[in-house]
Protein backbone atom coordinates (compact mmCIF):
# COMPACT_ATOMS: atom_id res chain seq x y z
CA UNK A 1 32.75 -3.98 -20.95
CA UNK A 2 29.20 -3.06 -22.01
CA UNK A 3 28.11 -6.59 -21.16
CA UNK A 4 29.45 -6.32 -17.61
CA UNK A 5 27.71 -2.97 -17.09
CA UNK A 6 24.45 -4.41 -18.41
CA UNK A 7 24.72 -7.43 -16.09
CA UNK A 8 25.49 -5.20 -13.08
CA UNK A 9 22.57 -2.90 -13.88
CA UNK A 10 20.24 -5.90 -14.19
CA UNK A 11 21.46 -7.27 -10.85
CA UNK A 12 20.91 -3.92 -9.13
CA UNK A 13 17.37 -3.61 -10.51
CA UNK A 14 16.57 -7.20 -9.54
CA UNK A 15 17.92 -6.73 -6.00
CA UNK A 16 15.91 -3.50 -5.61
CA UNK A 17 12.76 -5.35 -6.61
CA UNK A 18 13.39 -8.08 -4.04
CA UNK A 19 14.13 -5.52 -1.34
CA UNK A 20 10.90 -3.60 -1.95
CA UNK A 21 8.91 -6.86 -1.85
CA UNK A 22 10.63 -7.79 1.42
CA UNK A 23 9.65 -4.41 2.91
CA UNK A 24 5.99 -5.11 2.08
CA UNK A 25 6.00 -8.53 3.77
CA UNK A 26 5.91 -9.21 7.48
CA UNK A 27 4.47 -7.06 10.25
CA UNK A 28 4.17 -3.30 9.64
CA UNK A 29 3.37 -0.89 12.47
CA UNK A 30 1.42 2.07 11.06
CA UNK A 31 0.64 4.95 13.45
CA UNK A 32 -2.14 7.52 13.13
CA UNK A 33 0.39 10.03 14.51
CA UNK A 34 3.89 9.71 15.97
CA UNK A 35 3.89 12.98 17.93
CA UNK A 36 1.88 14.45 20.80
CA UNK A 37 2.11 17.98 22.18
CA UNK A 38 0.79 18.22 25.74
CA UNK A 39 0.87 22.02 25.45
CA UNK A 40 1.29 23.80 28.78
CA UNK A 41 0.88 21.61 31.86
CA UNK A 42 1.24 22.35 35.56
CA UNK A 43 3.86 20.49 37.56
CA UNK A 44 1.43 20.45 40.52
CA UNK A 45 -1.16 18.45 38.53
CA UNK A 46 1.15 15.43 38.28
CA UNK A 47 1.71 12.97 35.43
CA UNK A 48 0.01 13.32 32.04
CA UNK A 49 -0.77 10.53 29.59
CA UNK A 50 -1.39 10.12 25.87
CA UNK A 51 -2.10 7.19 23.57
CA UNK A 52 -0.40 6.44 20.26
CA UNK A 53 -2.76 4.22 18.27
CA UNK A 54 -1.43 1.95 15.53
CA UNK A 55 -2.53 -0.74 13.10
CA UNK A 56 -0.60 -3.78 11.93
CA UNK A 57 -0.84 -3.13 8.18
CA UNK A 58 1.48 -6.03 7.41
CA UNK A 59 0.66 -9.65 6.65
CA UNK A 60 2.17 -11.31 9.77
CA UNK A 61 1.58 -10.85 13.52
CA UNK A 62 3.36 -7.84 15.02
CA UNK A 63 5.30 -8.33 18.25
CA UNK A 64 6.54 -5.31 20.19
CA UNK A 65 9.84 -6.32 21.74
CA UNK A 66 10.45 -3.08 23.64
CA UNK A 67 9.52 0.58 23.98
CA UNK A 68 12.34 2.64 25.46
CA UNK A 69 12.00 6.26 26.58
CA UNK A 70 14.82 8.81 26.37
CA UNK A 71 14.35 9.71 30.05
CA UNK A 72 13.18 8.09 33.29
CA UNK A 73 10.43 10.72 33.53
CA UNK A 74 8.67 9.10 30.55
CA UNK A 75 7.07 5.67 30.74
CA UNK A 76 5.70 3.77 27.74
CA UNK A 77 3.24 0.91 28.17
CA UNK A 78 2.67 -1.37 25.18
CA UNK A 79 0.76 -4.56 24.31
CA UNK A 80 2.67 -7.71 25.22
CA UNK A 81 0.62 -10.04 23.01
CA UNK A 82 1.06 -10.23 19.21
CA UNK A 83 -1.12 -7.90 17.12
CA UNK A 84 -2.67 -9.78 14.19
CA UNK A 85 -2.62 -8.31 10.67
CA UNK A 86 -5.34 -5.67 10.29
CA UNK A 87 -5.79 -5.31 14.07
CA UNK A 88 -5.16 -2.22 16.20
CA UNK A 89 -3.16 -1.55 19.32
CA UNK A 90 -1.95 1.39 21.36
CA UNK A 91 1.12 2.52 23.20
CA UNK A 92 0.30 4.62 26.26
CA UNK A 93 2.98 7.13 27.26
CA UNK A 94 3.03 8.80 30.69
CA UNK A 95 5.19 11.86 31.41
CA UNK A 96 5.93 12.91 35.00
CA UNK A 97 6.64 16.67 35.19
CA UNK A 98 7.69 16.66 38.88
CA UNK A 99 10.91 18.66 39.26
CA UNK A 100 11.11 19.37 35.51
CA UNK A 101 9.90 22.94 34.85
CA UNK A 102 10.29 24.34 31.34
CA UNK A 103 10.09 22.83 27.87
CA UNK A 104 10.41 19.11 27.26
CA UNK A 105 10.94 17.01 24.14
CA UNK A 106 11.11 13.27 24.76
CA UNK A 107 11.35 10.32 22.39
CA UNK A 108 10.24 6.70 22.68
CA UNK A 109 11.99 4.13 20.49
CA UNK A 110 9.90 1.13 19.49
CA UNK A 111 11.51 -2.20 18.69
CA UNK A 112 9.39 -4.84 16.92
CA UNK A 113 9.79 -8.00 14.88
CA UNK A 114 9.29 -5.83 11.75
CA UNK A 115 11.86 -4.06 9.58
CA UNK A 116 11.20 -0.50 10.80
CA UNK A 117 11.91 1.02 14.21
CA UNK A 118 9.36 3.79 14.82
CA UNK A 119 10.17 6.69 17.12
CA UNK A 120 7.38 8.48 19.00
CA UNK A 121 7.76 12.02 20.38
CA UNK A 122 6.08 13.95 23.18
CA UNK A 123 6.56 17.66 23.81
CA UNK A 124 5.22 20.40 26.05
CA UNK A 125 5.98 23.05 28.62
CA UNK A 126 5.83 22.51 32.39
CA UNK A 127 4.72 25.43 34.59
CA UNK A 128 6.62 25.17 37.91
CA UNK A 129 4.76 24.41 41.11
CA UNK A 130 4.24 27.45 43.30
CA UNK A 131 5.59 27.26 46.85
């Protein structure tokens, strides 16, 4: 019985080692920040934009497959070409406050050819347009 437990423990440790090595290989999208607070904005001033800068800290080219916002009022724009290891890129997010007074908290899900699926967040408060 001790032999079986020892073999299982060895297998678990070995598998963990392989999994951590696998996480370090391939493309890795590393952001400077994953959140942006627009603060207080006026609905009358129209859309606002921010950039989320990132670096491919992995060892293979990074391909962004999609960037999907939680609402139609939020539009992400991302590089369509592969980002080489060590190179930078940015995802530009535009929020349209028209008809949306009050607080907002939106998320943008990023899908890449890497193992992780980053989520970006934008927040703020919209002051309604005066009539």
